[in-house]
Amino acid sequence: MMLVRHTKTLPSLGHNVMNKLIRSLLLQSPKTYDLIHSIKNKHFVNFYLKKVHEPDFNAFKLICQNRPQTFIDIGANVGMSALSFFTLKSNAKVISFEPNPINYSYLDKLAARFDDFRYFPVGMGDEPGTLDFYYPIYNGKVMTALGSCDREKAKSWLNSDTIYFFDENKLEIAKISIDIKTLDSFELEPEFIKIDVEGFEYQVLLGGEKTINTHRPILLIEGIAEGDRVHQLLQSWNYNIYKFANNQFHLDKFDCANNFLVPREKTSLIEPYLGVKTAQSLEAIY
């Protein structure tokens, strides 16, 4: 399984500089970093503040229905996405997949707090098996969110562009073996799927082809670049791709960290929230 990762345009420079500064300061004191991380994620701070962890998740507030709906969270990490789903929709059913045991104590906390949350301690791929999984440790701080089945990918994110005063001698890459299953093997009926797997998106989609093409969920996927194989695959499955910004969906825009993929037959769900140019473009297409 060869992994290919394309470069995307990231959020604004000012946003990145602030994130880089905060990250750099926290990494100088891993114990402080761990304390803040633990308080935030084990005590559900964002949930009680009614905040989502990423602005893109506010889109679900616009398109979710009142009835219970199933969200699948692939690449759960410590459960930030699952918590955002519950923040937006109290009657959601969330099923998460996470292969890294370091994160299970956080997910256990979620399972104890929310009756309709369940997680499986496996990764997703295009075929069942086992894979090597890598994650960086910097200055003693385990960076679980940057884990990848591609060692170079796990290593490359931490550098002088992302950390001030970066010291390569403080960076190490840990390796574990993880179980891989296919999404199709779980026979789920999702209405929404989030995929954040650091370069393994294509394989996850192939392993969920039957599920996706049977139930036609709306997808939220990180790291799609225009014309890459993920984009091409989903186009062949009759999905349109959107950027979500300022409470609007913008067709075929890739200058964002995450993209929404909407089945063409479900465009009516987001129609009230289409940008003007997007609405005109879709009228011309259809």
C-alpha atoms as a PDB file:
ATOM      1  CA  MET A   1       0.000   0.000   0.000  1.00  0.00           C
ATOM      2  CA  MET A   2       1.801   3.111  -1.155  1.00  0.00           C
ATOM      3  CA  LEU A   3       0.834   6.360   0.516  1.00  0.00           C
ATOM      4  CA  VAL A   4       0.709   9.592  -1.458  1.00  0.00           C
ATOM      5  CA  ARG A   5       0.209  12.924   0.267  1.00  0.00           C
ATOM      6  CA  HIS A   6      -0.453  16.097  -1.709  1.00  0.00           C
ATOM      7  CA  THR A   7       0.195  19.632  -0.510  1.00  0.00           C
ATOM      8  CA  LYS A   8      -2.802  21.770   0.358  1.00  0.00           C
ATOM      9  CA  THR A   9      -3.208  25.462   0.958  1.00  0.00           C
ATOM     10  CA  LEU A  10      -3.489  25.939   4.728  1.00  0.00           C
ATOM     11  CA  PRO A  11      -5.405  28.587   6.697  1.00  0.00           C
ATOM     12  CA  SER A  12      -4.265  32.211   6.825  1.00  0.00           C
ATOM     13  CA  LEU A  13      -0.701  33.174   7.727  1.00  0.00           C
ATOM     14  CA  GLY A  14      -1.777  34.985  10.887  1.00  0.00           C
ATOM     15  CA  HIS A  15      -3.681  31.924  12.079  1.00  0.00           C
ATOM     16  CA  ASN A  16      -0.665  29.708  11.407  1.00  0.00           C
ATOM     17  CA  VAL A  17       1.772  32.067  13.167  1.00  0.00           C
ATOM     18  CA  MET A  18      -0.387  32.132  16.302  1.00  0.00           C
ATOM     19  CA  ASN A  19      -0.741  28.332  16.296  1.00  0.00           C
ATOM     20  CA  LYS A  20       2.995  27.961  15.780  1.00  0.00           C
ATOM     21  CA  LEU A  21       3.747  30.302  18.689  1.00  0.00           C
ATOM     22  CA  ILE A  22       1.370  28.521  21.083  1.00  0.00           C
ATOM     23  CA  ARG A  23       2.629  25.095  19.988  1.00  0.00           C
ATOM     24  CA  SER A  24       6.258  26.144  20.422  1.00  0.00           C
ATOM     25  CA  LEU A  25       5.708  27.527  23.909  1.00  0.00           C
ATOM     26  CA  LEU A  26       3.825  24.449  25.070  1.00  0.00           C
ATOM     27  CA  LEU A  27       6.425  22.064  23.671  1.00  0.00           C
ATOM     28  CA  GLN A  28       9.068  23.749  25.791  1.00  0.00           C
ATOM     29  CA  SER A  29       7.195  22.317  28.787  1.00  0.00           C
ATOM     30  CA  PRO A  30       5.670  18.925  27.907  1.00  0.00           C
ATOM     31  CA  LYS A  31       4.142  18.548  31.394  1.00  0.00           C
ATOM     32  CA  THR A  32       2.220  21.803  30.951  1.00  0.00           C
ATOM     33  CA  TYR A  33       1.175  20.691  27.472  1.00  0.00           C
ATOM     34  CA  ASP A  34      -0.083  17.357  28.865  1.00  0.00           C
ATOM     35  CA  LEU A  35      -1.951  19.065  31.696  1.00  0.00           C
ATOM     36  CA  ILE A  36      -3.799  21.457  29.373  1.00  0.00           C
ATOM     37  CA  HIS A  37      -4.480  18.656  26.893  1.00  0.00           C
ATOM     38  CA  SER A  38      -5.840  16.395  29.628  1.00  0.00           C
ATOM     39  CA  ILE A  39      -8.078  19.034  31.193  1.00  0.00           C
ATOM     40  CA  LYS A  40      -9.489  20.017  27.824  1.00  0.00           C
ATOM     41  CA  ASN A  41     -10.124  16.515  26.489  1.00  0.00           C
ATOM     42  CA  LYS A  42     -10.835  14.395  29.566  1.00  0.00           C
ATOM     43  CA  HIS A  43     -13.189  16.908  31.143  1.00  0.00           C
ATOM     44  CA  PHE A  44     -15.060  17.814  27.926  1.00  0.00           C
ATOM     45  CA  VAL A  45     -14.396  21.550  28.256  1.00  0.00           C
ATOM     46  CA  ASN A  46     -15.545  22.362  24.721  1.00  0.00           C
ATOM     47  CA  PHE A  47     -18.775  20.396  25.219  1.00  0.00           C
ATOM     48  CA  TYR A  48     -19.768  22.425  28.275  1.00  0.00           C
ATOM     49  CA  LEU A  49     -18.765  25.631  26.509  1.00  0.00           C
ATOM     50  CA  LYS A  50     -20.840  24.493  23.500  1.00  0.00           C
ATOM     51  CA  LYS A  51     -17.812  24.886  21.209  1.00  0.00           C
ATOM     52  CA  VAL A  52     -16.637  22.658  18.370  1.00  0.00           C
ATOM     53  CA  HIS A  53     -12.938  21.909  18.054  1.00  0.00           C
ATOM     54  CA  GLU A  54     -12.770  23.003  14.390  1.00  0.00           C
ATOM     55  CA  PRO A  55     -14.956  25.601  12.626  1.00  0.00           C
ATOM     56  CA  ASP A  56     -15.845  23.174   9.814  1.00  0.00           C
ATOM     57  CA  PHE A  57     -17.958  21.177  12.244  1.00  0.00           C
ATOM     58  CA  ASN A  58     -20.406  24.058  12.489  1.00  0.00           C
ATOM     59  CA  ALA A  59     -21.670  22.941   9.085  1.00  0.00           C
ATOM     60  CA  PHE A  60     -23.283  19.913  10.696  1.00  0.00           C
ATOM     61  CA  LYS A  61     -25.464  22.242  12.767  1.00  0.00           C
ATOM     62  CA  LEU A  62     -26.936  23.523   9.502  1.00  0.00           C
ATOM     63  CA  ILE A  63     -27.544  20.200   7.768  1.00  0.00           C
ATOM     64  CA  CYS A  64     -28.364  17.756  10.569  1.00  0.00           C
ATOM     65  CA  GLN A  65     -31.983  16.734  11.099  1.00  0.00           C
ATOM     66  CA  ASN A  66     -33.832  16.507  14.423  1.00  0.00           C
ATOM     67  CA  ARG A  67     -34.001  12.721  14.427  1.00  0.00           C
ATOM     68  CA  PRO A  68     -31.062  10.588  15.654  1.00  0.00           C
ATOM     69  CA  GLN A  69     -28.344  10.260  13.019  1.00  0.00           C
ATOM     70  CA  THR A  70     -25.200   8.133  12.838  1.00  0.00           C
ATOM     71  CA  PHE A  71     -21.770   9.737  12.572  1.00  0.00           C
ATOM     72  CA  ILE A  72     -18.669   7.676  11.853  1.00  0.00           C
ATOM     73  CA  ASP A  73     -15.369   9.113  13.054  1.00  0.00           C
ATOM     74  CA  ILE A  74     -12.348   7.523  11.354  1.00  0.00           C
ATOM     75  CA  GLY A  75      -9.110   8.624  12.956  1.00  0.00           C
ATOM     76  CA  ALA A  76     -10.655   9.532  16.305  1.00  0.00           C
ATOM     77  CA  ASN A  77      -7.448  10.477  18.131  1.00  0.00           C
ATOM     78  CA  VAL A  78      -8.604  11.548  21.633  1.00  0.00           C
ATOM     79  CA  GLY A  79     -12.217  12.041  20.552  1.00  0.00           C
ATOM     80  CA  MET A  80     -12.361  15.737  19.629  1.00  0.00           C
ATOM     81  CA  SER A  81     -14.572  15.085  16.592  1.00  0.00           C
ATOM     82  CA  ALA A  82     -16.931  12.811  18.510  1.00  0.00           C
ATOM     83  CA  LEU A  83     -17.291  15.446  21.227  1.00  0.00           C
ATOM     84  CA  SER A  84     -18.031  18.095  18.595  1.00  0.00           C
ATOM     85  CA  PHE A  85     -20.761  15.876  17.134  1.00  0.00           C
ATOM     86  CA  PHE A  86     -22.398  15.582  20.564  1.00  0.00           C
ATOM     87  CA  THR A  87     -21.965  19.313  21.153  1.00  0.00           C
ATOM     88  CA  LEU A  88     -23.963  20.027  18.006  1.00  0.00           C
ATOM     89  CA  LYS A  89     -26.452  17.178  18.233  1.00  0.00           C
ATOM     90  CA  SER A  90     -27.336  15.699  21.615  1.00  0.00           C
ATOM     91  CA  ASN A  91     -29.121  12.672  20.114  1.00  0.00           C
ATOM     92  CA  ALA A  92     -26.291  11.730  17.765  1.00  0.00           C
ATOM     93  CA  LYS A  93     -24.960   8.196  17.557  1.00  0.00           C
ATOM     94  CA  VAL A  94     -21.178   8.275  17.133  1.00  0.00           C
ATOM     95  CA  ILE A  95     -18.978   5.334  16.195  1.00  0.00           C
ATOM     96  CA  SER A  96     -15.240   6.017  16.232  1.00  0.00           C
ATOM     97  CA  PHE A  97     -12.199   4.106  15.001  1.00  0.00           C
ATOM     98  CA  GLU A  98      -8.752   4.705  16.481  1.00  0.00           C
ATOM     99  CA  PRO A  99      -5.699   2.407  16.235  1.00  0.00           C
ATOM    100  CA  ASN A 100      -3.361   4.075  18.756  1.00  0.00           C
ATOM    101  CA  PRO A 101      -3.684   2.676  22.324  1.00  0.00           C
ATOM    102  CA  ILE A 102      -2.270   5.900  23.789  1.00  0.00           C
ATOM    103  CA  ASN A 103      -5.626   7.542  23.054  1.00  0.00           C
ATOM    104  CA  TYR A 104      -7.918   4.916  24.566  1.00  0.00           C
ATOM    105  CA  SER A 105      -8.152   6.449  28.052  1.00  0.00           C
ATOM    106  CA  TYR A 106      -9.692   9.557  26.458  1.00  0.00           C
ATOM    107  CA  LEU A 107     -12.127   7.497  24.398  1.00  0.00           C
ATOM    108  CA  ASP A 108     -13.067   5.442  27.466  1.00  0.00           C
ATOM    109  CA  LYS A 109     -14.036   8.696  29.172  1.00  0.00           C
ATOM    110  CA  LEU A 110     -16.281   9.563  26.246  1.00  0.00           C
ATOM    111  CA  ALA A 111     -17.890   6.121  26.317  1.00  0.00           C
ATOM    112  CA  ALA A 112     -18.637   6.525  30.031  1.00  0.00           C
ATOM    113  CA  ARG A 113     -20.193   9.971  29.473  1.00  0.00           C
ATOM    114  CA  PHE A 114     -22.251   9.365  26.319  1.00  0.00           C
ATOM    115  CA  ASP A 115     -24.486   6.302  25.959  1.00  0.00           C
ATOM    116  CA  ASP A 116     -24.529   6.568  22.165  1.00  0.00           C
ATOM    117  CA  PHE A 117     -20.753   6.604  21.746  1.00  0.00           C
ATOM    118  CA  ARG A 118     -18.735   3.524  20.865  1.00  0.00           C
ATOM    119  CA  TYR A 119     -15.206   3.093  19.573  1.00  0.00           C
ATOM    120  CA  PHE A 120     -13.273   0.289  17.962  1.00  0.00           C
ATOM    121  CA  PRO A 121      -9.507   0.009  18.631  1.00  0.00           C
ATOM    122  CA  VAL A 122      -8.549  -0.534  14.992  1.00  0.00           C
ATOM    123  CA  GLY A 123      -7.447   1.420  11.952  1.00  0.00           C
ATOM    124  CA  MET A 124      -9.316   1.498   8.645  1.00  0.00           C
ATOM    125  CA  GLY A 125      -7.884   0.472   5.295  1.00  0.00           C
ATOM    126  CA  ASP A 126      -8.613  -1.227   1.997  1.00  0.00           C
ATOM    127  CA  GLU A 127      -7.991  -4.730   3.331  1.00  0.00           C
ATOM    128  CA  PRO A 128      -7.712  -6.388   6.754  1.00  0.00           C
ATOM    129  CA  GLY A 129      -4.285  -7.005   8.220  1.00  0.00           C
ATOM    130  CA  THR A 130      -1.648  -5.292  10.337  1.00  0.00           C
ATOM    131  CA  LEU A 131       0.499  -2.259   9.595  1.00  0.00           C
ATOM    132  CA  ASP A 132       3.320  -0.356  11.215  1.00  0.00           C
ATOM    133  CA  PHE A 133       2.068   2.912  12.703  1.00  0.00           C
ATOM    134  CA  TYR A 134       4.394   5.815  13.483  1.00  0.00           C
ATOM    135  CA  TYR A 135       3.969   8.896  15.668  1.00  0.00           C
ATOM    136  CA  PRO A 136       6.366  11.686  16.660  1.00  0.00           C
ATOM    137  CA  ILE A 137       7.597  12.491  20.153  1.00  0.00           C
ATOM    138  CA  TYR A 138       9.097  15.941  20.588  1.00  0.00           C
ATOM    139  CA  ASN A 139      10.919  16.990  23.751  1.00  0.00           C
ATOM    140  CA  GLY A 140       9.214  14.075  25.500  1.00  0.00           C
ATOM    141  CA  LYS A 141       5.699  15.055  24.338  1.00  0.00           C
ATOM    142  CA  VAL A 142       3.843  12.334  22.421  1.00  0.00           C
ATOM    143  CA  MET A 143       2.070  13.919  19.433  1.00  0.00           C
ATOM    144  CA  THR A 144      -0.637  11.326  18.816  1.00  0.00           C
ATOM    145  CA  ALA A 145      -2.628  13.461  16.374  1.00  0.00           C
ATOM    146  CA  LEU A 146       0.300  13.329  13.923  1.00  0.00           C
ATOM    147  CA  GLY A 147       0.441   9.533  13.725  1.00  0.00           C
ATOM    148  CA  SER A 148       0.625   7.916  10.291  1.00  0.00           C
ATOM    149  CA  CYS A 149       1.305   4.601   8.589  1.00  0.00           C
ATOM    150  CA  ASP A 150       3.929   6.522   6.610  1.00  0.00           C
ATOM    151  CA  ARG A 151       7.041   7.087   8.752  1.00  0.00           C
ATOM    152  CA  GLU A 152       8.215  10.070   6.728  1.00  0.00           C
ATOM    153  CA  LYS A 153       4.791  11.671   7.041  1.00  0.00           C
ATOM    154  CA  ALA A 154       4.852  11.233  10.830  1.00  0.00           C
ATOM    155  CA  LYS A 155       8.334  12.760  10.934  1.00  0.00           C
ATOM    156  CA  SER A 156       7.892  15.604   8.477  1.00  0.00           C
ATOM    157  CA  TRP A 157       5.180  17.623  10.216  1.00  0.00           C
ATOM    158  CA  LEU A 158       7.395  18.792  13.081  1.00  0.00           C
ATOM    159  CA  ASN A 159      10.093  21.100  11.736  1.00  0.00           C
ATOM    160  CA  SER A 160      11.272  24.709  11.754  1.00  0.00           C
ATOM    161  CA  ASP A 161       8.140  25.730   9.834  1.00  0.00           C
ATOM    162  CA  THR A 162       5.818  24.477  12.561  1.00  0.00           C
ATOM    163  CA  ILE A 163       7.903  25.006  15.736  1.00  0.00           C
ATOM    164  CA  TYR A 164      10.012  28.008  16.676  1.00  0.00           C
ATOM    165  CA  PHE A 165      13.568  27.049  17.694  1.00  0.00           C
ATOM    166  CA  PHE A 166      13.018  23.524  16.375  1.00  0.00           C
ATOM    167  CA  ASP A 167      15.698  21.079  17.529  1.00  0.00           C
ATOM    168  CA  GLU A 168      15.887  17.877  15.493  1.00  0.00           C
ATOM    169  CA  ASN A 169      17.711  16.171  18.363  1.00  0.00           C
ATOM    170  CA  LYS A 170      14.510  16.419  20.411  1.00  0.00           C
ATOM    171  CA  LEU A 171      12.458  14.589  17.784  1.00  0.00           C
ATOM    172  CA  GLU A 172      12.002  10.836  17.820  1.00  0.00           C
ATOM    173  CA  ILE A 173       9.595   8.585  15.931  1.00  0.00           C
ATOM    174  CA  ALA A 174       7.857   5.765  17.797  1.00  0.00           C
ATOM    175  CA  LYS A 175       6.499   2.682  16.040  1.00  0.00           C
ATOM    176  CA  ILE A 176       3.726   0.271  16.977  1.00  0.00           C
ATOM    177  CA  SER A 177       1.840  -2.425  15.090  1.00  0.00           C
ATOM    178  CA  ILE A 178      -1.878  -1.791  14.541  1.00  0.00           C
ATOM    179  CA  ASP A 179      -4.804  -3.884  13.364  1.00  0.00           C
ATOM    180  CA  ILE A 180      -6.498  -2.793  10.160  1.00  0.00           C
ATOM    181  CA  LYS A 181     -10.061  -3.597   9.115  1.00  0.00           C
ATOM    182  CA  THR A 182     -12.320  -2.324   6.351  1.00  0.00           C
ATOM    183  CA  LEU A 183     -15.269  -0.055   6.988  1.00  0.00           C
ATOM    184  CA  ASP A 184     -17.467  -2.378   4.941  1.00  0.00           C
ATOM    185  CA  SER A 185     -16.800  -5.241   7.352  1.00  0.00           C
ATOM    186  CA  PHE A 186     -18.764  -3.413  10.091  1.00  0.00           C
ATOM    187  CA  GLU A 187     -21.968  -3.145   8.007  1.00  0.00           C
ATOM    188  CA  LEU A 188     -22.856   0.298   9.378  1.00  0.00           C
ATOM    189  CA  GLU A 189     -25.467   2.735   8.059  1.00  0.00           C
ATOM    190  CA  PRO A 190     -23.875   6.180   8.417  1.00  0.00           C
ATOM    191  CA  GLU A 191     -25.268   9.525   7.378  1.00  0.00           C
ATOM    192  CA  PHE A 192     -22.004  11.347   8.047  1.00  0.00           C
ATOM    193  CA  ILE A 193     -18.380  10.185   7.968  1.00  0.00           C
ATOM    194  CA  LYS A 194     -15.298  12.120   9.066  1.00  0.00           C
ATOM    195  CA  ILE A 195     -11.920  10.842   7.832  1.00  0.00           C
ATOM    196  CA  ASP A 196      -8.636  12.194   9.219  1.00  0.00           C
ATOM    197  CA  VAL A 197      -5.945   9.560   8.759  1.00  0.00           C
ATOM    198  CA  GLU A 198      -2.812  11.463   7.718  1.00  0.00           C
ATOM    199  CA  GLY A 199      -2.352  10.227   4.162  1.00  0.00           C
ATOM    200  CA  PHE A 200      -4.375   6.993   4.289  1.00  0.00           C
ATOM    201  CA  GLU A 201      -7.680   8.468   3.083  1.00  0.00           C
ATOM    202  CA  TYR A 202      -7.688   6.697  -0.273  1.00  0.00           C
ATOM    203  CA  GLN A 203      -7.295   3.254   1.290  1.00  0.00           C
ATOM    204  CA  VAL A 204     -10.026   3.995   3.844  1.00  0.00           C
ATOM    205  CA  LEU A 205     -12.426   4.969   1.064  1.00  0.00           C
ATOM    206  CA  LEU A 206     -11.686   1.827  -0.937  1.00  0.00           C
ATOM    207  CA  GLY A 207     -12.398  -0.278   2.139  1.00  0.00           C
ATOM    208  CA  GLY A 208     -15.724   1.517   2.593  1.00  0.00           C
ATOM    209  CA  GLU A 209     -16.891   1.580  -1.031  1.00  0.00           C
ATOM    210  CA  LYS A 210     -19.980  -0.566  -0.442  1.00  0.00           C
ATOM    211  CA  THR A 211     -20.990   1.333   2.703  1.00  0.00           C
ATOM    212  CA  ILE A 212     -20.532   4.716   1.054  1.00  0.00           C
ATOM    213  CA  ASN A 213     -22.261   3.896  -2.208  1.00  0.00           C
ATOM    214  CA  THR A 214     -25.149   2.142  -0.446  1.00  0.00           C
ATOM    215  CA  HIS A 215     -25.913   4.767   2.216  1.00  0.00           C
ATOM    216  CA  ARG A 216     -24.483   7.866   0.499  1.00  0.00           C
ATOM    217  CA  PRO A 217     -23.283   9.716   3.624  1.00  0.00           C
ATOM    218  CA  ILE A 218     -21.932  13.252   3.616  1.00  0.00           C
ATOM    219  CA  LEU A 219     -18.153  13.083   4.104  1.00  0.00           C
ATOM    220  CA  LEU A 220     -15.698  15.414   5.820  1.00  0.00           C
ATOM    221  CA  ILE A 221     -12.140  14.581   4.775  1.00  0.00           C
ATOM    222  CA  GLU A 222      -8.842  16.242   5.620  1.00  0.00           C
ATOM    223  CA  GLY A 223      -6.086  16.863   3.121  1.00  0.00           C
ATOM    224  CA  ILE A 224      -7.712  16.588  -0.310  1.00  0.00           C
ATOM    225  CA  ALA A 225      -5.864  18.347  -3.138  1.00  0.00           C
ATOM    226  CA  GLU A 226      -7.500  19.188  -6.452  1.00  0.00           C
ATOM    227  CA  GLY A 227      -7.106  16.317  -8.880  1.00  0.00           C
ATOM    228  CA  ASP A 228      -5.545  13.886  -6.411  1.00  0.00           C
ATOM    229  CA  ARG A 229      -6.722  10.286  -6.330  1.00  0.00           C
ATOM    230  CA  VAL A 230      -9.129  10.874  -3.432  1.00  0.00           C
ATOM    231  CA  HIS A 231     -10.759  13.711  -5.372  1.00  0.00           C
ATOM    232  CA  GLN A 232     -10.944  11.628  -8.551  1.00  0.00           C
ATOM    233  CA  LEU A 233     -12.359   8.599  -6.745  1.00  0.00           C
ATOM    234  CA  LEU A 234     -15.146  10.576  -5.108  1.00  0.00           C
ATOM    235  CA  GLN A 235     -15.988  12.324  -8.355  1.00  0.00           C
ATOM    236  CA  SER A 236     -16.425   8.882  -9.923  1.00  0.00           C
ATOM    237  CA  TRP A 237     -18.820   8.073  -7.058  1.00  0.00           C
ATOM    238  CA  ASN A 238     -20.887  11.167  -7.930  1.00  0.00           C
ATOM    239  CA  TYR A 239     -19.820  13.339  -5.031  1.00  0.00           C
ATOM    240  CA  ASN A 240     -19.269  17.101  -5.251  1.00  0.00           C
ATOM    241  CA  ILE A 241     -16.547  18.710  -3.140  1.00  0.00           C
ATOM    242  CA  TYR A 242     -17.005  21.886  -1.092  1.00  0.00           C
ATOM    243  CA  LYS A 243     -15.137  24.234   1.175  1.00  0.00           C
ATOM    244  CA  PHE A 244     -17.172  25.424   4.171  1.00  0.00           C
ATOM    245  CA  ALA A 245     -16.529  29.015   5.254  1.00  0.00           C
ATOM    246  CA  ASN A 246     -18.656  31.800   6.747  1.00  0.00           C
ATOM    247  CA  ASN A 247     -21.633  29.432   7.011  1.00  0.00           C
ATOM    248  CA  GLN A 248     -21.594  28.763   3.270  1.00  0.00           C
ATOM    249  CA  PHE A 249     -20.545  25.871   1.042  1.00  0.00           C
ATOM    250  CA  HIS A 250     -18.298  26.745  -1.914  1.00  0.00           C
ATOM    251  CA  LEU A 251     -18.017  24.287  -4.788  1.00  0.00           C
ATOM    252  CA  ASP A 252     -14.602  23.001  -5.926  1.00  0.00           C
ATOM    253  CA  LYS A 253     -12.581  25.106  -3.480  1.00  0.00           C
ATOM    254  CA  PHE A 254      -9.492  23.476  -1.978  1.00  0.00           C
ATOM    255  CA  ASP A 255      -7.878  26.303   0.033  1.00  0.00           C
ATOM    256  CA  CYS A 256      -8.879  24.736   3.338  1.00  0.00           C
ATOM    257  CA  ALA A 257      -7.753  22.010   5.718  1.00  0.00           C
ATOM    258  CA  ASN A 258     -10.944  19.939   5.369  1.00  0.00           C
ATOM    259  CA  ASN A 259     -13.438  19.459   2.568  1.00  0.00           C
ATOM    260  CA  PHE A 260     -17.052  18.357   2.591  1.00  0.00           C
ATOM    261  CA  LEU A 261     -18.092  15.779   0.016  1.00  0.00           C
ATOM    262  CA  VAL A 262     -21.811  15.745  -0.722  1.00  0.00           C
ATOM    263  CA  PRO A 263     -23.600  13.175  -2.914  1.00  0.00           C
ATOM    264  CA  ARG A 264     -24.990  14.998  -5.907  1.00  0.00           C
ATOM    265  CA  GLU A 265     -28.467  13.649  -5.214  1.00  0.00           C
ATOM    266  CA  LYS A 266     -28.320  15.246  -1.725  1.00  0.00           C
ATOM    267  CA  THR A 267     -27.367  18.747  -2.855  1.00  0.00           C
ATOM    268  CA  SER A 268     -30.754  19.978  -1.623  1.00  0.00           C
ATOM    269  CA  LEU A 269     -29.547  19.456   1.974  1.00  0.00           C
ATOM    270  CA  ILE A 270     -26.973  22.220   1.604  1.00  0.00           C
ATOM    271  CA  GLU A 271     -28.795  24.320  -1.005  1.00  0.00           C
ATOM    272  CA  PRO A 272     -29.893  27.023   1.484  1.00  0.00           C
ATOM    273  CA  TYR A 273     -26.241  27.504   2.435  1.00  0.00           C
ATOM    274  CA  LEU A 274     -24.570  27.615  -0.967  1.00  0.00           C
ATOM    275  CA  GLY A 275     -22.364  30.561  -1.850  1.00  0.00           C
ATOM    276  CA  VAL A 276     -23.782  32.703  -4.660  1.00  0.00           C
ATOM    277  CA  LYS A 277     -21.191  31.606  -7.212  1.00  0.00           C
ATOM    278  CA  THR A 278     -21.644  27.971  -6.186  1.00  0.00           C
ATOM    279  CA  ALA A 279     -25.410  28.147  -6.646  1.00  0.00           C
ATOM    280  CA  GLN A 280     -24.927  29.671 -10.104  1.00  0.00           C
ATOM    281  CA  SER A 281     -22.357  27.004 -11.014  1.00  0.00           C
ATOM    282  CA  LEU A 282     -24.651  24.166  -9.954  1.00  0.00           C
ATOM    283  CA  GLU A 283     -27.555  25.656 -11.901  1.00  0.00           C
ATOM    284  CA  ALA A 284     -25.354  25.698 -14.995  1.00  0.00           C
ATOM    285  CA  ILE A 285     -24.275  22.067 -14.424  1.00  0.00           C
ATOM    286  CA  TYR A 286     -27.711  20.641 -13.689  1.00  0.00           C
END
